[in-house]
C-alpha atoms as a PDB file:
ATOM      1  CA  ALA A   1      99.384 126.209  58.491  1.00  0.00           C
ATOM      2  CA  ALA A   2     102.086 128.100  60.350  1.00  0.00           C
ATOM      3  CA  SER A   3     104.289 130.392  58.238  1.00  0.00           C
ATOM      4  CA  PHE A   4     107.866 131.549  58.685  1.00  0.00           C
ATOM      5  CA  GLY A   5     108.569 135.147  59.555  1.00  0.00           C
ATOM      6  CA  ALA A   6     110.373 137.547  57.275  1.00  0.00           C
ATOM      7  CA  SER A   7     113.655 136.906  59.097  1.00  0.00           C
ATOM      8  CA  GLY A   8     113.430 133.168  58.568  1.00  0.00           C
ATOM      9  CA  GLY A   9     112.803 132.550  62.271  1.00  0.00           C
ATOM     10  CA  PRO A  10     110.530 129.977  63.869  1.00  0.00           C
ATOM     11  CA  PRO A  11     107.009 129.643  62.486  1.00  0.00           C
ATOM     12  CA  THR A  12     104.294 131.748  64.051  1.00  0.00           C
ATOM     13  CA  VAL A  13     100.814 130.409  64.662  1.00  0.00           C
ATOM     14  CA  GLN A  14      98.121 132.415  62.940  1.00  0.00           C
ATOM     15  CA  LEU A  15      94.543 132.729  64.119  1.00  0.00           C
ATOM     16  CA  GLY A  16      92.629 129.645  63.002  1.00  0.00           C
ATOM     17  CA  ASP A  17      95.703 127.427  62.552  1.00  0.00           C
ATOM     18  CA  ALA A  18      95.727 123.897  63.935  1.00  0.00           C
ATOM     19  CA  SER A  19      97.452 123.770  67.298  1.00  0.00           C
ATOM     20  CA  MET A  20      97.656 121.760  70.499  1.00  0.00           C
ATOM     21  CA  ALA A  21      94.379 123.323  71.601  1.00  0.00           C
ATOM     22  CA  ALA A  22      92.525 122.071  68.525  1.00  0.00           C
ATOM     23  CA  ALA A  23      91.031 119.175  70.461  1.00  0.00           C
ATOM     24  CA  PHE A  24      89.495 121.670  72.912  1.00  0.00           C
ATOM     25  CA  THR A  25      88.190 124.031  70.226  1.00  0.00           C
ATOM     26  CA  ALA A  26      84.537 124.323  69.243  1.00  0.00           C
ATOM     27  CA  ARG A  27      83.064 126.526  66.537  1.00  0.00           C
ATOM     28  CA  SER A  28      79.416 127.327  67.006  1.00  0.00           C
ATOM     29  CA  THR A  29      76.988 130.223  66.798  1.00  0.00           C
ATOM     30  CA  HIS A  30      75.751 129.778  70.376  1.00  0.00           C
ATOM     31  CA  VAL A  31      77.344 129.563  73.828  1.00  0.00           C
ATOM     32  CA  GLY A  32      76.763 125.835  74.293  1.00  0.00           C
ATOM     33  CA  PRO A  33      80.414 124.870  73.669  1.00  0.00           C
ATOM     34  CA  VAL A  34      81.484 127.105  76.564  1.00  0.00           C
ATOM     35  CA  ALA A  35      79.851 124.759  79.064  1.00  0.00           C
ATOM     36  CA  ALA A  36      81.324 121.746  77.256  1.00  0.00           C
ATOM     37  CA  VAL A  37      84.839 123.187  77.442  1.00  0.00           C
ATOM     38  CA  LEU A  38      84.356 123.913  81.153  1.00  0.00           C
ATOM     39  CA  ARG A  39      83.100 120.378  81.819  1.00  0.00           C
ATOM     40  CA  LEU A  40      85.997 118.771  79.959  1.00  0.00           C
ATOM     41  CA  GLY A  41      88.505 121.104  81.574  1.00  0.00           C
ATOM     42  CA  ARG A  42      87.220 120.352  85.055  1.00  0.00           C
ATOM     43  CA  ALA A  43      87.265 116.620  84.354  1.00  0.00           C
ATOM     44  CA  THR A  44      90.876 116.876  83.180  1.00  0.00           C
ATOM     45  CA  LEU A  45      91.840 118.915  86.244  1.00  0.00           C
ATOM     46  CA  VAL A  46      90.134 116.508  88.647  1.00  0.00           C
ATOM     47  CA  THR A  47      91.786 113.492  87.015  1.00  0.00           C
ATOM     48  CA  THR A  48      95.204 115.151  87.139  1.00  0.00           C
ATOM     49  CA  VAL A  49      94.896 116.070  90.819  1.00  0.00           C
ATOM     50  CA  GLN A  50      93.716 112.608  91.825  1.00  0.00           C
ATOM     51  CA  MET A  51      96.584 110.998  89.893  1.00  0.00           C
ATOM     52  CA  PHE A  52      99.083 113.170  91.763  1.00  0.00           C
ATOM     53  CA  LYS A  53      97.438 112.216  95.057  1.00  0.00           C
ATOM     54  CA  ILE A  54      97.574 108.514  94.235  1.00  0.00           C
ATOM     55  CA  LEU A  55     101.205 108.780  93.167  1.00  0.00           C
ATOM     56  CA  GLY A  56     102.043 110.657  96.360  1.00  0.00           C
ATOM     57  CA  VAL A  57     100.484 108.061  98.653  1.00  0.00           C
ATOM     58  CA  ASN A  58     101.942 105.136  96.701  1.00  0.00           C
ATOM     59  CA  CYS A  59     105.406 106.702  96.639  1.00  0.00           C
ATOM     60  CA  LEU A  60     105.405 107.219 100.404  1.00  0.00           C
ATOM     61  CA  THR A  61     104.305 103.659 101.156  1.00  0.00           C
ATOM     62  CA  SER A  62     106.637 102.195  98.520  1.00  0.00           C
ATOM     63  CA  ALA A  63     109.556 104.199  99.905  1.00  0.00           C
ATOM     64  CA  TYR A  64     109.027 102.547 103.276  1.00  0.00           C
ATOM     65  CA  ALA A  65     108.712  99.109 101.688  1.00  0.00           C
ATOM     66  CA  MET A  66     111.871  99.519  99.608  1.00  0.00           C
ATOM     67  CA  SER A  67     114.027 101.127 102.294  1.00  0.00           C
ATOM     68  CA  VAL A  68     113.171 100.256 105.889  1.00  0.00           C
ATOM     69  CA  MET A  69     111.798  96.800 105.112  1.00  0.00           C
ATOM     70  CA  ALA A  70     114.621  96.070 102.651  1.00  0.00           C
ATOM     71  CA  ILE A  71     117.163  96.804 105.372  1.00  0.00           C
ATOM     72  CA  ASP A  72     115.380  94.215 107.519  1.00  0.00           C
ATOM     73  CA  GLY A  73     115.876  91.626 104.779  1.00  0.00           C
ATOM     74  CA  VAL A  74     112.374  91.720 103.311  1.00  0.00           C
ATOM     75  CA  LYS A  75     112.493  91.093  99.571  1.00  0.00           C
ATOM     76  CA  ILE A  76     109.965  91.072  96.740  1.00  0.00           C
ATOM     77  CA  GLY A  77     109.889  88.260  94.190  1.00  0.00           C
ATOM     78  CA  ASP A  78     110.016  88.823  90.434  1.00  0.00           C
ATOM     79  CA  THR A  79     106.476  87.538  89.981  1.00  0.00           C
ATOM     80  CA  GLN A  80     105.223  89.832  92.735  1.00  0.00           C
ATOM     81  CA  ALA A  81     106.953  92.887  91.261  1.00  0.00           C
ATOM     82  CA  THR A  82     105.617  92.112  87.780  1.00  0.00           C
ATOM     83  CA  LEU A  83     102.083  91.622  89.066  1.00  0.00           C
ATOM     84  CA  SER A  84     102.167  94.861  91.059  1.00  0.00           C
ATOM     85  CA  GLY A  85     103.495  96.850  88.110  1.00  0.00           C
ATOM     86  CA  MET A  86     100.932  95.489  85.657  1.00  0.00           C
ATOM     87  CA  LEU A  87      98.087  96.136  88.088  1.00  0.00           C
ATOM     88  CA  ALA A  88      99.195  99.720  88.731  1.00  0.00           C
ATOM     89  CA  ALA A  89      99.549 100.399  84.991  1.00  0.00           C
ATOM     90  CA  ALA A  90      96.052  99.048  84.305  1.00  0.00           C
ATOM     91  CA  LEU A  91      94.525 101.085  87.129  1.00  0.00           C
ATOM     92  CA  PHE A  92      96.111 104.326  85.930  1.00  0.00           C
ATOM     93  CA  LEU A  93      94.945 103.612  82.379  1.00  0.00           C
ATOM     94  CA  PHE A  94      91.363 102.990  83.464  1.00  0.00           C
ATOM     95  CA  LEU A  95      91.479 106.001  85.781  1.00  0.00           C
ATOM     96  CA  SER A  96      92.244 108.260  82.827  1.00  0.00           C
ATOM     97  CA  MET A  97      89.198 106.893  80.978  1.00  0.00           C
ATOM     98  CA  ALA A  98      86.717 108.557  83.347  1.00  0.00           C
ATOM     99  CA  ARG A  99      84.163 110.613  81.428  1.00  0.00           C
ATOM    100  CA  PRO A 100      82.759 113.979  82.569  1.00  0.00           C
ATOM    101  CA  LEU A 101      79.102 114.405  83.418  1.00  0.00           C
ATOM    102  CA  ARG A 102      76.781 116.059  80.930  1.00  0.00           C
ATOM    103  CA  THR A 103      75.800 118.780  83.404  1.00  0.00           C
ATOM    104  CA  LEU A 104      78.080 121.505  84.706  1.00  0.00           C
ATOM    105  CA  SER A 105      78.317 121.521  88.488  1.00  0.00           C
ATOM    106  CA  ARG A 106      78.210 124.699  90.543  1.00  0.00           C
ATOM    107  CA  ARG A 107      81.042 123.360  92.663  1.00  0.00           C
ATOM    108  CA  ARG A 108      84.602 124.069  91.663  1.00  0.00           C
ATOM    109  CA  PRO A 109      87.313 121.410  91.832  1.00  0.00           C
ATOM    110  CA  HIS A 110      90.566 121.915  93.706  1.00  0.00           C
ATOM    111  CA  ALA A 111      92.851 123.843  91.392  1.00  0.00           C
ATOM    112  CA  SER A 112      96.200 122.286  92.326  1.00  0.00           C
ATOM    113  CA  PRO A 113      97.657 119.038  93.690  1.00  0.00           C
ATOM    114  CA  PHE A 114      99.535 121.254  96.157  1.00  0.00           C
ATOM    115  CA  SER A 115      96.398 122.727  97.705  1.00  0.00           C
ATOM    116  CA  ALA A 116      95.906 122.364 101.451  1.00  0.00           C
ATOM    117  CA  TYR A 117      93.194 119.763 100.894  1.00  0.00           C
ATOM    118  CA  ALA A 118      95.403 117.583  98.681  1.00  0.00           C
ATOM    119  CA  LEU A 119      98.434 117.791 100.965  1.00  0.00           C
ATOM    120  CA  VAL A 120      96.445 116.974 104.107  1.00  0.00           C
ATOM    121  CA  SER A 121      94.660 114.139 102.311  1.00  0.00           C
ATOM    122  CA  VAL A 122      97.903 112.585 101.067  1.00  0.00           C
ATOM    123  CA  GLY A 123      99.566 112.932 104.464  1.00  0.00           C
ATOM    124  CA  ALA A 124      96.638 111.412 106.356  1.00  0.00           C
ATOM    125  CA  GLN A 125      96.278 108.503 103.948  1.00  0.00           C
ATOM    126  CA  ALA A 126     100.003 107.782 104.022  1.00  0.00           C
ATOM    127  CA  ALA A 127      99.996 107.814 107.834  1.00  0.00           C
ATOM    128  CA  VAL A 128      97.101 105.338 108.014  1.00  0.00           C
ATOM    129  CA  HIS A 129      98.586 103.033 105.372  1.00  0.00           C
ATOM    130  CA  LEU A 130     102.048 103.086 106.934  1.00  0.00           C
ATOM    131  CA  ALA A 131     100.592 102.334 110.367  1.00  0.00           C
ATOM    132  CA  PHE A 132      98.749  99.349 108.901  1.00  0.00           C
ATOM    133  CA  MET A 133     101.838  98.071 107.080  1.00  0.00           C
ATOM    134  CA  VAL A 134     104.153  98.547 110.070  1.00  0.00           C
ATOM    135  CA  THR A 135     101.696  96.729 112.350  1.00  0.00           C
ATOM    136  CA  ALA A 136     101.209  93.853 109.911  1.00  0.00           C
ATOM    137  CA  VAL A 137     104.942  93.361 109.329  1.00  0.00           C
ATOM    138  CA  ALA A 138     105.665  93.594 113.071  1.00  0.00           C
ATOM    139  CA  ARG A 139     103.127  90.828 113.744  1.00  0.00           C
ATOM    140  CA  ALA A 140     104.701  88.708 111.015  1.00  0.00           C
ATOM    141  CA  LYS A 141     108.156  89.164 112.555  1.00  0.00           C
ATOM    142  CA  ALA A 142     106.766  88.253 115.969  1.00  0.00           C
ATOM    143  CA  HIS A 143     105.337  85.050 114.488  1.00  0.00           C
ATOM    144  CA  VAL A 144     108.713  84.154 112.949  1.00  0.00           C
ATOM    145  CA  LEU A 145     110.407  84.778 116.295  1.00  0.00           C
ATOM    146  CA  ALA A 146     107.849  82.636 118.134  1.00  0.00           C
ATOM    147  CA  GLU A 147     108.093  79.774 115.633  1.00  0.00           C
ATOM    148  CA  THR A 148     111.860  79.645 115.111  1.00  0.00           C
ATOM    149  CA  GLY A 149     113.190  81.366 118.212  1.00  0.00           C
ATOM    150  CA  ALA A 150     115.244  83.695 116.014  1.00  0.00           C
ATOM    151  CA  THR A 151     114.674  86.821 113.995  1.00  0.00           C
ATOM    152  CA  LEU A 152     114.591  86.831 110.206  1.00  0.00           C
ATOM    153  CA  ALA A 153     118.105  86.353 108.850  1.00  0.00           C
ATOM    154  CA  VAL A 154     119.371  89.290 106.809  1.00  0.00           C
ATOM    155  CA  ASP A 155     121.321  88.204 103.723  1.00  0.00           C
ATOM    156  CA  TYR A 156     121.270  90.775 100.942  1.00  0.00           C
ATOM    157  CA  GLU A 157     122.998  88.434  98.473  1.00  0.00           C
ATOM    158  CA  ALA A 158     120.683  85.467  98.984  1.00  0.00           C
ATOM    159  CA  ASP A 159     118.070  84.552  96.402  1.00  0.00           C
ATOM    160  CA  PHE A 160     114.450  85.332  97.091  1.00  0.00           C
ATOM    161  CA  GLU A 161     112.551  82.751  99.103  1.00  0.00           C
ATOM    162  CA  PRO A 162     108.908  83.135 100.172  1.00  0.00           C
ATOM    163  CA  ASN A 163     108.410  83.620 103.902  1.00  0.00           C
ATOM    164  CA  VAL A 164     105.755  84.963 106.227  1.00  0.00           C
ATOM    165  CA  VAL A 165     107.229  88.471 106.443  1.00  0.00           C
ATOM    166  CA  ASN A 166     107.528  88.804 102.666  1.00  0.00           C
ATOM    167  CA  THR A 167     103.985  87.530 102.168  1.00  0.00           C
ATOM    168  CA  VAL A 168     102.567  90.023 104.651  1.00  0.00           C
ATOM    169  CA  ALA A 169     104.591  92.899 103.195  1.00  0.00           C
ATOM    170  CA  PHE A 170     103.568  92.167  99.606  1.00  0.00           C
ATOM    171  CA  THR A 171      99.870  91.520 100.195  1.00  0.00           C
ATOM    172  CA  SER A 172      99.490  94.513 102.515  1.00  0.00           C
ATOM    173  CA  SER A 173     101.234  96.761  99.980  1.00  0.00           C
ATOM    174  CA  ALA A 174      98.987  95.484  97.169  1.00  0.00           C
ATOM    175  CA  LEU A 175      95.822  95.994  99.210  1.00  0.00           C
ATOM    176  CA  ILE A 176      96.987  99.490 100.159  1.00  0.00           C
ATOM    177  CA  ASN A 177      97.488 100.394  96.492  1.00  0.00           C
ATOM    178  CA  LEU A 178      94.000  99.177  95.614  1.00  0.00           C
ATOM    179  CA  CYS A 179      92.502 101.154  98.497  1.00  0.00           C
ATOM    180  CA  THR A 180      94.373 104.256  97.357  1.00  0.00           C
ATOM    181  CA  PHE A 181      92.889 104.099  93.866  1.00  0.00           C
ATOM    182  CA  GLY A 182      89.385 103.469  95.162  1.00  0.00           C
ATOM    183  CA  VAL A 183      89.433 106.156  97.853  1.00  0.00           C
ATOM    184  CA  ASN A 184      90.953 108.907  95.710  1.00  0.00           C
ATOM    185  CA  TYR A 185      88.699 108.422  92.707  1.00  0.00           C
ATOM    186  CA  VAL A 186      86.709 111.619  92.159  1.00  0.00           C
ATOM    187  CA  GLY A 187      83.337 110.978  90.560  1.00  0.00           C
ATOM    188  CA  LEU A 188      80.334 113.179  91.194  1.00  0.00           C
ATOM    189  CA  PRO A 189      79.804 116.055  90.620  1.00  0.00           C
ATOM    190  CA  PHE A 190      82.520 116.296  87.929  1.00  0.00           C
ATOM    191  CA  ASN A 191      83.041 112.809  86.498  1.00  0.00           C
ATOM    192  CA  GLU A 192      80.976 109.672  86.222  1.00  0.00           C
ATOM    193  CA  PRO A 193      80.772 107.658  89.472  1.00  0.00           C
ATOM    194  CA  LEU A 194      83.142 104.783  90.073  1.00  0.00           C
ATOM    195  CA  SER A 195      80.455 102.192  89.373  1.00  0.00           C
ATOM    196  CA  SER A 196      80.003 103.669  85.883  1.00  0.00           C
ATOM    197  CA  ASN A 197      83.710 103.396  85.068  1.00  0.00           C
ATOM    198  CA  LYS A 198      83.404  99.662  84.459  1.00  0.00           C
ATOM    199  CA  PRO A 199      87.057  98.816  83.656  1.00  0.00           C
ATOM    200  CA  LEU A 200      88.343 100.543  86.800  1.00  0.00           C
ATOM    201  CA  TYR A 201      85.473  99.282  88.948  1.00  0.00           C
ATOM    202  CA  TYR A 202      85.886  95.628  88.010  1.00  0.00           C
ATOM    203  CA  THR A 203      89.680  95.804  88.161  1.00  0.00           C
ATOM    204  CA  LEU A 204      89.493  97.096  91.737  1.00  0.00           C
ATOM    205  CA  ILE A 205      87.011  94.390  92.724  1.00  0.00           C
ATOM    206  CA  GLY A 206      89.051  91.702  90.984  1.00  0.00           C
ATOM    207  CA  GLY A 207      92.238  92.915  92.643  1.00  0.00           C
ATOM    208  CA  PHE A 208      90.651  92.887  96.100  1.00  0.00           C
ATOM    209  CA  VAL A 209      89.313  89.374  95.553  1.00  0.00           C
ATOM    210  CA  LEU A 210      92.650  88.138  94.184  1.00  0.00           C
ATOM    211  CA  PHE A 211      94.834  89.500  96.972  1.00  0.00           C
ATOM    212  CA  SER A 212      92.287  88.651  99.669  1.00  0.00           C
ATOM    213  CA  LEU A 213      92.287  85.020  98.542  1.00  0.00           C
ATOM    214  CA  ALA A 214      96.070  85.078  98.409  1.00  0.00           C
ATOM    215  CA  ALA A 215      96.408  86.618 101.877  1.00  0.00           C
ATOM    216  CA  ALA A 216      93.907  84.193 103.404  1.00  0.00           C
ATOM    217  CA  ASP A 217      95.611  81.288 101.572  1.00  0.00           C
ATOM    218  CA  VAL A 218      92.223  79.968 100.462  1.00  0.00           C
ATOM    219  CA  VAL A 219      93.529  78.754  97.091  1.00  0.00           C
ATOM    220  CA  ARG A 220      96.999  77.352  97.690  1.00  0.00           C
ATOM    221  CA  PRO A 221      97.989  77.011  93.991  1.00  0.00           C
ATOM    222  CA  LEU A 222      97.202  80.710  93.538  1.00  0.00           C
ATOM    223  CA  SER A 223      99.383  81.636  96.507  1.00  0.00           C
ATOM    224  CA  GLU A 224     102.219  79.488  95.184  1.00  0.00           C
ATOM    225  CA  ALA A 225     101.974  81.120  91.755  1.00  0.00           C
ATOM    226  CA  MET A 226     102.324  84.505  93.473  1.00  0.00           C
ATOM    227  CA  GLU A 227     105.314  83.247  95.514  1.00  0.00           C
ATOM    228  CA  LEU A 228     103.514  83.562  98.837  1.00  0.00           C
ATOM    229  CA  ALA A 229     104.084  81.549 101.987  1.00  0.00           C
ATOM    230  CA  PRO A 230     101.100  80.313 104.043  1.00  0.00           C
ATOM    231  CA  LEU A 231     100.142  82.649 106.877  1.00  0.00           C
ATOM    232  CA  PRO A 232      99.519  81.306 110.378  1.00  0.00           C
ATOM    233  CA  GLY A 233      95.989  80.760 111.643  1.00  0.00           C
ATOM    234  CA  ALA A 234      93.540  83.539 110.913  1.00  0.00           C
ATOM    235  CA  PHE A 235      96.267  86.145 110.400  1.00  0.00           C
ATOM    236  CA  GLY A 236      95.461  86.433 106.693  1.00  0.00           C
ATOM    237  CA  PHE A 237      91.766  87.106 107.330  1.00  0.00           C
ATOM    238  CA  GLU A 238      92.637  89.691 109.988  1.00  0.00           C
ATOM    239  CA  MET A 239      94.966  91.487 107.578  1.00  0.00           C
ATOM    240  CA  VAL A 240      92.284  91.621 104.878  1.00  0.00           C
ATOM    241  CA  ARG A 241      89.775  93.057 107.368  1.00  0.00           C
ATOM    242  CA  GLY A 242      92.337  95.627 108.483  1.00  0.00           C
ATOM    243  CA  ALA A 243      93.006  96.717 104.896  1.00  0.00           C
ATOM    244  CA  ARG A 244      89.313  97.374 104.373  1.00  0.00           C
END
């Protein structure tokens, strides 16, 4: 264990003491553990970088949803916010459960979330997702204007009520988040492929099915439970195709 110095100062770690690096320590008479440490280190680095990328894209799209769209009177229901938060928490948990491959790849992962590759990737994804969300919400507003002859009333003190614009904003944001997790997952040649990470794989599929059914209003009780308004015509199917 660590011992105090002669001056009574903080304890100093001696060679062989337990420390934070104990989980990454291997004692052996051959060089096999070196490759294992490299594999685990690369897997940790890859997972960290992809988490930062996912957070970056989600933060940019969420910032638009919570600022520009909020000014226009678009609100999110309590059930919708709870569902989105639980889904994101589950996806991040399952993302961290990815296991490294047994073989050490000759390729090297990107060393930082601030590398040129990561920054360009986050910027490009955010631009595509924002363009999709802006287009979808604009079409929803146009439908409201055509149906009622007036724009969506802005009342910041009013209680939440499901409407077409809110439904489009919520479902498009949820589909964007699912796409972000699926696209940014780094499997081969460092970690197991997405299909082998069963919890994450099935959660992504289940989320796509759930929000696709909700957007298309195929199961009305499901849409009502998620506080969604019915979308006009084939608009829901078109939005699902656009998200893919």
